[in-house]
Structures are given as C-alpha cells and as structure tokens.
Amino acid sequence: MSEIGKVETQFQTIATPENPFVFRSGASLDHVEIAYETYGTLNADRSNVILLFHALSGSQHAAGFNPAVGGTSFWTPECENGWWDLFIGKGKALDTEKYFIICANYLGGCYGSTGPSSLNPATGKRYGSAFPNITVNDIVRSQALLLDRLGIGKLLAVVGPSTGGLSCVTFATLFPDRVRLVIPLATGVKTTVLNRIILLEQILAIENDPLFRSGEYYESGAPETGLALARMISHKTFVHLDAIERRASKEVVQPEDRFSWYQAHDHVESYMLHQGKKFTDRFDANTYLRICEMWSRYDPVIESGANDSVELFSRSREAGHQYLVFSIDEDYCFYPEEQAALVEQLKGAQVPHLYLTVHSEKGHDSFLLEPELYTPHIQVMLRNASEAAG
C-alpha cells in the first residue's frame, strides 16, 4: 500500500439551476459535480497549492489507496492504487510535506464527476448522448470553479502529463493570474494530423459497435467490443513496442481469443486483447468518445480565445510564469517534435522556460514509471516558485 495510505474521493457541486455550467458549445447543465482528491496540507496563506490534471483514461485518484468511489460503476481493482503514486508523497516530486495537491476527474468523466453515465436529474435516466460535447476549455473552467468553491485563488503550479498537459497549458493561458509555475509533461501544443487520425479510428471503433446504439446503451449493454478495440488502437502508442513484447511474454494465449474465424496465436495478440477487454470494465464508452473529441479538436489559441500563439503566451510572460517542459525521446503518442513546437511558441512570446528531454525505453509511459528522471527538476522548479511567491 502507498505511504499515503487510504484516501477518499470528495465531491463538489459547481453548477446549480440558479447558476448553470455553460459549455463552450453553448449547451448548459443545471447540476454538475466534480470528483476530486487532495494530498498534503493546505498552508495558512493557501500559497502551496498544486493542481494536477490527469491523462485521457485517468481519474482523480492520483495517490494512495482508494477501494471505492460512490457514483460510479467503473471503479475496478485496477483503479484502487493512485496513478501517480510514484510522484506524490513525502520527498517525492510533489512533496506532500510541502505542498497541497488537488487532482479532479474531468467534467464528462466516469469516476464521479458529472458525465454521460451520470443520472440526469430531469429524466432520472443516464445522460447518454444528451451529455454535451466537451473541450479542454470546459475542463479547465470547471476545475477553476472547483478551486473557487475551495477558496483557492492562486496556484503555486499546474501540472499535467499527456492529455493532462493540454489542460495544464490552457489553464495557464486562460487564467494567467491564477498560477506561477506550469509543468506540462509529454504533451503537445496542438493536436497533430497523426493523432487526429488515430483518434478517429478509435471513435469509429466505438460508433460501429452494434451495441453502441448512438450512445443509448446503459440499459441494453455496453459496446465492449468497440471500446476494447479503441483501447487497443491507443495502447500501442502509450507503451514502447519493445515493452509490449516484454510484457506480452508473460501472457498465455486464451481459448476465448478467437473471432469468427481467426484464432489469436501469439503472446502479443493475446496481450493486446487482454488490455482491451479489461479496459471495458473500468471505463465508459461515451466518456471515451467525449475525451477523444476533446483531444482531436484541441488548439490552445482557440481554447483560450487568443488571436495567435504570440498573444496567447504573452499572457504567461506578463503574468510572470515559468514553464518546465518535459519531452520523452521514445514517445510515440506525443512525439518530441510536439514539445519542441510548444517551446518555440514560448520562445516567440519570450516566456521563461526550461526544456528537458528524458531518455527512456519505456515510451510515453515513462512519465508514469520513472520518477527518478523527472523528480529532481520538478523539485527545484517548485522550490524556486515557492521562494519567489514568498
């Protein structure tokens, strides 16, 4: 068990009929709850707060052990240990003896925040396809409202790996006066053509499952085949191919790994099928589609209402931000060129930054598995930001 021990998810209402949440699309919801967890202790002047954004299929449960979360049927044993446990705790990258860390489930998520699988108070049924499309802008504004409810004005830092880095950058440029240090890890500044194609493949995998029923499947049975295929499509970009082969060597080809005529015949095929199948137990297909669309359409200039990248990142320069940008040299999900593009835009706006490349054979997953490659730099930048704030 983690040194942090057992933790509980908390819930905060950020929208009511008197004050609905308005999505960027113009749609609105009269009731929105955000699920979140906290680690560490908030100091007296509330100056030690770090907001952590999770990745695509992550959750609010970043550290410790959480055996159950109310309001979701997708909490499996795989969810019980914090997804960034190696980075959060005493003496770790996000030191709980110094900082107060908040991690929230995305609006539209399936781990307690209001999303497509939540009950619609107006109908008593799941929102399903009626749940609005979401953007990174919506995610960021919903979490800013969470901070408001918690009485937190300015953050010491925003941190975000992978797709969480999109929210990290958007928070800093949408609310520049609310943060000091910005730490995006293995992320991008604009969704590439390659990623848009890969995301479209995943969307089509779910849409073409006969059980999807245009998102109205909660009473008839989930589109497990489509969701499993979508996860398999994405998984090969998250994990280095050599690592897939190593992990697959432990797999046994199962008799059920058979389709209408094709029988899986090697460990890699069985491993990928296993990854897809187990994902269907812990994630909602409608949420997956909303997040895929959010990622596919991401453009920080549009999300933050700027005219161009220079105007966008000038907000960071004027607010006195520091950026710590991490790249992974063997990343096949967010290629190193994507972080280089972000750094070029920071340079164009004359924003102070430190740009580091991590050398790893673990691919995109490095940000989950190798804290020793990131921790020293994160600790130094957080300490500098704390001293500047003090």
Protein backbone atom coordinates (compact mmCIF):
# COMPACT_ATOMS: atom_id res chain seq x y z
CA MET A 1 0.00 0.00 0.00
CA SER A 2 1.12 3.56 -0.67
CA GLU A 3 2.81 5.52 2.12
CA ILE A 4 -0.08 7.98 1.80
CA GLY A 5 -2.45 5.22 2.86
CA LYS A 6 -6.18 5.13 2.32
CA VAL A 7 -7.80 8.18 0.73
CA GLU A 8 -11.35 9.13 -0.18
CA THR A 9 -12.77 10.91 -3.18
CA GLN A 10 -14.62 14.11 -2.35
CA PHE A 11 -17.34 15.82 -4.37
CA GLN A 12 -18.06 19.47 -5.02
CA THR A 13 -21.11 20.94 -6.75
CA ILE A 14 -20.05 23.64 -9.22
CA ALA A 15 -23.37 24.25 -11.01
CA THR A 16 -26.96 24.61 -9.88
CA PRO A 17 -30.24 25.60 -11.59
CA GLU A 18 -29.60 29.16 -10.40
CA ASN A 19 -26.05 29.12 -11.75
CA PRO A 20 -25.70 26.50 -14.52
CA PHE A 21 -22.45 25.46 -16.16
CA VAL A 22 -22.33 26.69 -19.74
CA PHE A 23 -20.18 24.63 -22.09
CA ARG A 24 -18.16 26.24 -24.83
CA SER A 25 -20.66 24.77 -27.30
CA GLY A 26 -23.44 26.83 -25.70
CA ALA A 27 -25.10 23.82 -24.05
CA SER A 28 -25.59 24.01 -20.30
CA LEU A 29 -26.21 21.76 -17.30
CA ASP A 30 -28.12 22.77 -14.17
CA HIS A 31 -26.27 20.36 -11.92
CA VAL A 32 -22.57 19.49 -12.14
CA GLU A 33 -20.44 17.73 -9.56
CA ILE A 34 -16.68 17.37 -9.72
CA ALA A 35 -14.96 14.42 -8.04
CA TYR A 36 -11.55 15.22 -6.58
CA GLU A 37 -8.90 14.13 -4.11
CA THR A 38 -6.31 16.08 -2.15
CA TYR A 39 -2.93 15.16 -0.70
CA GLY A 40 -0.80 17.09 1.78
CA THR A 41 -1.82 20.03 3.94
CA LEU A 42 -3.03 23.44 2.83
CA ASN A 43 -0.87 26.12 4.45
CA ALA A 44 -2.22 29.17 6.24
CA ASP A 45 -1.97 31.60 3.34
CA ARG A 46 -3.07 29.00 0.75
CA SER A 47 0.09 29.53 -1.29
CA ASN A 48 1.22 25.90 -1.62
CA VAL A 49 -1.46 24.50 -3.92
CA ILE A 50 -0.67 22.39 -6.98
CA LEU A 51 -3.44 21.46 -9.44
CA LEU A 52 -2.74 18.17 -11.21
CA PHE A 53 -4.58 17.22 -14.41
CA HIS A 54 -4.86 13.52 -15.23
CA ALA A 55 -4.40 11.89 -18.64
CA LEU A 56 -7.06 10.51 -21.00
CA SER A 57 -8.22 7.46 -19.05
CA GLY A 58 -7.01 8.59 -15.63
CA SER A 59 -9.00 9.74 -12.65
CA GLN A 60 -8.95 12.00 -9.62
CA HIS A 61 -7.20 9.20 -7.71
CA ALA A 62 -3.55 10.15 -8.18
CA ALA A 63 -2.03 8.78 -4.98
CA GLY A 64 -2.72 6.43 -2.09
CA PHE A 65 -5.25 3.61 -1.92
CA ASN A 66 -8.93 4.13 -2.66
CA PRO A 67 -11.06 0.96 -2.58
CA ALA A 68 -14.34 2.53 -3.71
CA VAL A 69 -15.81 5.69 -5.19
CA GLY A 70 -19.51 6.49 -4.93
CA GLY A 71 -21.47 7.41 -8.02
CA THR A 72 -19.54 5.21 -10.46
CA SER A 73 -19.80 1.59 -11.55
CA PHE A 74 -16.41 1.68 -13.26
CA TRP A 75 -14.16 1.50 -10.18
CA THR A 76 -12.28 -1.79 -10.53
CA PRO A 77 -9.26 -3.12 -8.60
CA GLU A 78 -7.08 -1.61 -11.32
CA CYS A 79 -8.26 1.84 -10.18
CA GLU A 80 -7.55 1.38 -6.47
CA ASN A 81 -3.89 2.48 -6.44
CA GLY A 82 -3.11 6.07 -7.37
CA TRP A 83 -1.97 6.52 -10.96
CA TRP A 84 0.88 8.93 -9.96
CA ASP A 85 1.78 7.33 -6.65
CA LEU A 86 5.48 7.28 -7.55
CA PHE A 87 5.44 11.08 -7.82
CA ILE A 88 3.30 12.13 -4.84
CA GLY A 89 4.30 11.77 -1.19
CA LYS A 90 6.99 12.67 1.32
CA GLY A 91 10.20 13.62 -0.50
CA LYS A 92 8.71 12.86 -3.92
CA ALA A 93 8.28 15.18 -6.92
CA LEU A 94 5.08 16.60 -5.43
CA ASP A 95 6.12 16.55 -1.79
CA THR A 96 3.11 16.24 0.49
CA GLU A 97 5.08 17.73 3.39
CA LYS A 98 5.41 20.97 1.42
CA TYR A 99 2.50 21.13 -0.99
CA PHE A 100 -1.24 20.65 -1.14
CA ILE A 101 -2.09 18.72 -4.30
CA ILE A 102 -5.54 18.63 -5.89
CA CYS A 103 -6.50 16.22 -8.67
CA ALA A 104 -10.01 16.21 -10.15
CA ASN A 105 -11.83 13.89 -12.51
CA TYR A 106 -12.63 15.56 -15.82
CA LEU A 107 -16.05 17.06 -16.35
CA GLY A 108 -17.61 14.41 -18.60
CA GLY A 109 -15.64 11.69 -16.82
CA CYS A 110 -16.88 8.40 -15.42
CA TYR A 111 -15.23 8.33 -11.99
CA GLY A 112 -17.61 10.54 -10.06
CA SER A 113 -17.67 13.82 -11.98
CA THR A 114 -20.85 14.52 -13.89
CA GLY A 115 -20.64 12.77 -17.26
CA PRO A 116 -22.63 10.77 -19.80
CA SER A 117 -23.08 7.83 -17.40
CA SER A 118 -24.45 10.11 -14.63
CA LEU A 119 -28.15 10.31 -13.89
CA ASN A 120 -29.88 13.28 -15.43
CA PRO A 121 -31.99 14.82 -12.61
CA ALA A 122 -34.55 15.98 -15.15
CA THR A 123 -35.25 12.49 -16.54
CA GLY A 124 -33.97 10.07 -13.92
CA LYS A 125 -32.02 8.28 -16.66
CA ARG A 126 -28.38 8.39 -17.75
CA TYR A 127 -27.44 11.39 -19.86
CA GLY A 128 -26.01 9.21 -22.60
CA SER A 129 -25.88 11.01 -25.94
CA ALA A 130 -27.59 14.06 -24.40
CA PHE A 131 -24.43 14.93 -22.47
CA PRO A 132 -22.76 17.92 -24.15
CA ASN A 133 -19.54 17.68 -26.11
CA ILE A 134 -16.60 18.84 -24.03
CA THR A 135 -13.48 20.87 -24.77
CA VAL A 136 -10.29 21.42 -22.83
CA ASN A 137 -11.66 24.90 -22.13
CA ASP A 138 -14.65 23.29 -20.38
CA ILE A 139 -12.39 21.01 -18.31
CA VAL A 140 -10.25 23.95 -17.22
CA ARG A 141 -13.15 26.25 -16.36
CA SER A 142 -14.88 23.53 -14.36
CA GLN A 143 -11.75 23.00 -12.28
CA ALA A 144 -11.31 26.74 -11.81
CA LEU A 145 -14.83 26.72 -10.35
CA LEU A 146 -13.78 23.86 -8.07
CA LEU A 147 -10.87 25.99 -6.83
CA ASP A 148 -13.30 28.86 -6.23
CA ARG A 149 -15.53 26.62 -4.10
CA LEU A 150 -12.47 25.51 -2.13
CA GLY A 151 -11.43 29.12 -1.53
CA ILE A 152 -8.20 28.85 -3.51
CA GLY A 153 -7.26 31.89 -5.55
CA LYS A 154 -3.75 31.42 -6.91
CA LEU A 155 -1.90 28.17 -7.52
CA LEU A 156 1.74 27.56 -6.98
CA ALA A 157 1.73 25.29 -10.04
CA VAL A 158 -0.33 23.44 -12.59
CA VAL A 159 0.99 20.05 -13.66
CA GLY A 160 -0.27 17.81 -16.42
CA PRO A 161 1.08 14.73 -18.22
CA SER A 162 -0.10 13.60 -21.66
CA THR A 163 -3.59 14.98 -22.41
CA GLY A 164 -3.49 16.49 -18.92
CA GLY A 165 -0.77 18.75 -20.28
CA LEU A 166 -3.28 20.27 -22.71
CA SER A 167 -5.35 21.37 -19.72
CA CYS A 168 -2.20 22.50 -17.93
CA VAL A 169 -1.25 24.90 -20.75
CA THR A 170 -4.84 26.06 -21.25
CA PHE A 171 -5.31 26.80 -17.54
CA ALA A 172 -2.15 28.92 -17.54
CA THR A 173 -3.23 30.94 -20.58
CA LEU A 174 -6.93 31.17 -19.72
CA PHE A 175 -6.31 32.14 -16.09
CA PRO A 176 -2.76 33.55 -16.16
CA ASP A 177 -3.12 35.41 -12.86
CA ARG A 178 -4.04 32.21 -11.02
CA VAL A 179 -0.76 30.30 -11.38
CA ARG A 180 3.02 30.74 -11.12
CA LEU A 181 4.66 27.57 -12.47
CA VAL A 182 3.48 25.49 -15.45
CA ILE A 183 4.70 21.88 -15.85
CA PRO A 184 3.45 20.05 -18.96
CA LEU A 185 4.93 16.55 -19.40
CA ALA A 186 4.93 14.59 -22.67
CA THR A 187 2.19 16.68 -24.22
CA GLY A 188 1.63 18.98 -27.19
CA VAL A 189 0.63 22.44 -28.19
CA LYS A 190 -1.80 21.45 -30.94
CA THR A 191 -3.23 18.07 -31.93
CA THR A 192 -1.27 16.64 -34.84
CA VAL A 193 -2.72 15.12 -38.00
CA LEU A 194 -1.42 11.70 -36.90
CA ASN A 195 -3.17 11.88 -33.55
CA ARG A 196 -6.38 13.09 -35.16
CA ILE A 197 -6.30 10.03 -37.43
CA ILE A 198 -5.62 7.66 -34.51
CA LEU A 199 -8.43 9.28 -32.52
CA LEU A 200 -10.81 8.95 -35.47
CA GLU A 201 -10.01 5.24 -35.66
CA GLN A 202 -10.96 4.88 -32.00
CA ILE A 203 -14.16 6.87 -32.45
CA LEU A 204 -15.19 4.70 -35.41
CA ALA A 205 -14.40 1.52 -33.47
CA ILE A 206 -16.96 2.50 -30.83
CA GLU A 207 -19.50 4.04 -33.20
CA ASN A 208 -19.55 0.89 -35.36
CA ASP A 209 -20.20 -1.49 -32.49
CA PRO A 210 -23.89 -2.52 -32.91
CA LEU A 211 -24.36 -2.26 -29.14
CA PHE A 212 -23.35 1.42 -29.10
CA ARG A 213 -26.87 2.48 -30.14
CA SER A 214 -25.84 6.11 -30.64
CA GLY A 215 -24.75 6.30 -27.01
CA GLU A 216 -28.01 4.94 -25.54
CA TYR A 217 -26.70 1.60 -24.27
CA TYR A 218 -26.88 1.86 -20.48
CA GLU A 219 -29.95 -0.36 -20.21
CA SER A 220 -29.13 -2.70 -23.09
CA GLY A 221 -25.43 -3.42 -22.59
CA ALA A 222 -22.20 -1.53 -23.29
CA PRO A 223 -20.35 -1.62 -26.64
CA GLU A 224 -17.50 -3.63 -25.15
CA THR A 225 -16.04 -4.84 -28.44
CA GLY A 226 -15.80 -1.33 -29.86
CA LEU A 227 -14.36 0.13 -26.66
CA ALA A 228 -11.83 -2.70 -26.37
CA LEU A 229 -10.71 -2.12 -29.96
CA ALA A 230 -10.41 1.62 -29.32
CA ARG A 231 -8.21 0.93 -26.32
CA MET A 232 -6.01 -1.42 -28.33
CA ILE A 233 -5.56 1.24 -31.01
CA SER A 234 -4.41 3.76 -28.40
CA HIS A 235 -2.40 1.37 -26.21
CA LYS A 236 0.23 0.77 -28.87
CA THR A 237 1.09 4.49 -28.78
CA PHE A 238 1.34 4.64 -24.98
CA VAL A 239 3.74 1.75 -24.47
CA HIS A 240 7.04 1.31 -26.30
CA LEU A 241 6.80 -1.66 -28.68
CA ASP A 242 9.75 -3.38 -27.01
CA ALA A 243 7.96 -3.07 -23.68
CA ILE A 244 4.80 -4.54 -25.20
CA GLU A 245 6.81 -7.53 -26.37
CA ARG A 246 8.37 -7.95 -22.91
CA ARG A 247 5.03 -7.69 -21.14
CA ALA A 248 3.39 -9.97 -23.67
CA SER A 249 5.90 -12.73 -22.96
CA LYS A 250 4.07 -13.25 -19.65
CA GLU A 251 0.68 -13.68 -21.36
CA VAL A 252 -0.88 -17.03 -22.20
CA VAL A 253 -3.00 -17.35 -25.33
CA GLN A 254 -6.55 -17.98 -24.13
CA PRO A 255 -9.14 -20.23 -25.87
CA GLU A 256 -11.57 -17.30 -25.96
CA ASP A 257 -9.08 -15.26 -28.01
CA ARG A 258 -10.98 -16.38 -31.11
CA PHE A 259 -13.16 -14.46 -33.54
CA SER A 260 -15.47 -15.79 -36.27
CA TRP A 261 -12.52 -17.49 -37.99
CA TYR A 262 -9.29 -16.06 -36.57
CA GLN A 263 -7.59 -17.53 -33.52
CA ALA A 264 -5.03 -15.39 -31.68
CA HIS A 265 -1.83 -17.36 -31.95
CA ASP A 266 0.91 -15.44 -30.16
CA HIS A 267 1.55 -13.66 -26.88
CA VAL A 268 1.46 -10.15 -28.32
CA GLU A 269 -2.02 -10.66 -29.76
CA SER A 270 -3.24 -12.15 -26.50
CA TYR A 271 -1.68 -9.29 -24.51
CA MET A 272 -3.39 -6.64 -26.65
CA LEU A 273 -6.74 -8.40 -26.41
CA HIS A 274 -6.34 -8.57 -22.64
CA GLN A 275 -5.59 -4.84 -22.46
CA GLY A 276 -8.70 -4.04 -24.46
CA LYS A 277 -11.01 -6.38 -22.55
CA LYS A 278 -10.02 -5.26 -19.06
CA PHE A 279 -10.44 -1.61 -20.05
CA THR A 280 -14.13 -2.14 -20.77
CA ASP A 281 -14.71 -2.91 -17.09
CA ARG A 282 -13.26 0.38 -15.90
CA PHE A 283 -14.30 2.97 -18.48
CA ASP A 284 -17.42 4.32 -20.15
CA ALA A 285 -17.58 4.39 -23.94
CA ASN A 286 -19.44 7.72 -24.06
CA THR A 287 -16.83 9.35 -21.83
CA TYR A 288 -14.10 7.90 -24.04
CA LEU A 289 -15.71 9.44 -27.12
CA ARG A 290 -16.08 12.85 -25.46
CA ILE A 291 -12.42 12.89 -24.44
CA CYS A 292 -11.25 11.68 -27.87
CA GLU A 293 -13.18 14.52 -29.48
CA MET A 294 -11.80 16.99 -26.92
CA TRP A 295 -8.26 15.94 -27.77
CA SER A 296 -8.83 15.81 -31.51
CA ARG A 297 -10.13 19.38 -31.67
CA TYR A 298 -7.60 20.89 -29.27
CA ASP A 299 -5.94 24.14 -30.26
CA PRO A 300 -4.69 26.29 -27.37
CA VAL A 301 -5.20 29.54 -29.27
CA ILE A 302 -8.87 28.73 -29.83
CA GLU A 303 -9.38 27.25 -26.35
CA SER A 304 -8.12 30.42 -24.69
CA GLY A 305 -9.71 32.92 -27.05
CA ALA A 306 -6.46 34.42 -28.34
CA ASN A 307 -5.67 35.63 -31.86
CA ASP A 308 -2.38 33.79 -32.25
CA SER A 309 0.28 31.97 -30.26
CA VAL A 310 2.26 35.13 -29.53
CA GLU A 311 -0.77 36.78 -27.94
CA LEU A 312 -1.60 33.53 -26.16
CA PHE A 313 1.75 33.05 -24.48
CA SER A 314 2.29 36.75 -23.90
CA ARG A 315 -0.28 36.24 -21.16
CA SER A 316 2.18 33.87 -19.49
CA ARG A 317 5.05 36.31 -19.90
CA GLU A 318 3.05 39.18 -18.43
CA ALA A 319 1.91 37.01 -15.51
CA GLY A 320 5.50 36.02 -14.72
CA HIS A 321 5.08 32.33 -15.44
CA GLN A 322 7.91 29.83 -15.55
CA TYR A 323 7.47 26.70 -17.70
CA LEU A 324 9.12 23.33 -17.17
CA VAL A 325 8.55 21.29 -20.34
CA PHE A 326 9.39 17.58 -20.43
CA SER A 327 9.88 15.57 -23.63
CA ILE A 328 10.42 11.79 -23.91
CA ASP A 329 12.72 10.77 -26.74
CA GLU A 330 10.96 7.44 -27.45
CA ASP A 331 7.40 8.80 -27.15
CA TYR A 332 5.10 7.60 -29.94
CA CYS A 333 1.96 9.23 -28.58
CA PHE A 334 3.13 12.83 -28.17
CA TYR A 335 6.26 12.90 -30.29
CA PRO A 336 9.23 15.04 -29.12
CA GLU A 337 8.55 17.42 -32.01
CA GLU A 338 5.31 18.38 -30.29
CA GLN A 339 7.06 19.62 -27.15
CA ALA A 340 9.63 21.35 -29.35
CA ALA A 341 6.76 23.21 -31.04
CA LEU A 342 5.47 24.32 -27.63
CA VAL A 343 8.92 25.56 -26.67
CA GLU A 344 9.25 27.51 -29.93
CA GLN A 345 6.00 29.29 -29.13
CA LEU A 346 7.22 30.06 -25.61
CA LYS A 347 10.41 31.49 -27.13
CA GLY A 348 8.37 33.56 -29.59
CA ALA A 349 6.50 35.14 -26.68
CA GLN A 350 9.67 35.44 -24.57
CA VAL A 351 8.33 33.24 -21.77
CA PRO A 352 10.98 31.91 -19.33
CA HIS A 353 11.21 28.15 -19.60
CA LEU A 354 13.33 25.07 -19.04
CA TYR A 355 13.09 22.35 -21.70
CA LEU A 356 14.30 18.85 -20.83
CA THR A 357 14.38 15.63 -22.83
CA VAL A 358 14.07 12.36 -20.93
CA HIS A 359 15.89 9.40 -22.44
CA SER A 360 13.76 6.33 -21.84
CA GLU A 361 12.98 2.97 -23.39
CA LYS A 362 9.52 2.99 -21.83
CA GLY A 363 7.97 5.39 -24.33
CA HIS A 364 5.03 7.58 -23.36
CA ASP A 365 4.55 5.52 -20.19
CA SER A 366 7.84 6.89 -18.84
CA PHE A 367 6.00 9.72 -17.07
CA LEU A 368 4.17 7.08 -15.02
CA LEU A 369 7.03 4.69 -14.32
CA GLU A 370 10.33 6.56 -13.95
CA PRO A 371 10.08 9.27 -11.27
CA GLU A 372 13.87 9.47 -10.95
CA LEU A 373 14.05 11.06 -14.42
CA TYR A 374 11.66 13.90 -13.54
CA THR A 375 11.70 14.42 -9.78
CA PRO A 376 14.91 16.46 -9.28
CA HIS A 377 13.91 19.04 -11.88
CA ILE A 378 10.33 19.31 -10.62
CA GLN A 379 11.53 19.74 -7.04
CA VAL A 380 13.93 22.55 -7.98
CA MET A 381 11.35 24.44 -10.03
CA LEU A 382 8.72 24.12 -7.31
CA ARG A 383 11.17 25.33 -4.68
CA ASN A 384 12.10 28.33 -6.84
CA ALA A 385 8.45 29.15 -7.43
CA SER A 386 7.72 28.90 -3.71
CA GLU A 387 10.61 31.21 -2.84
CA ALA A 388 9.54 33.73 -5.49
CA ALA A 389 5.98 33.67 -4.13
CA GLY A 390 7.19 34.14 -0.57
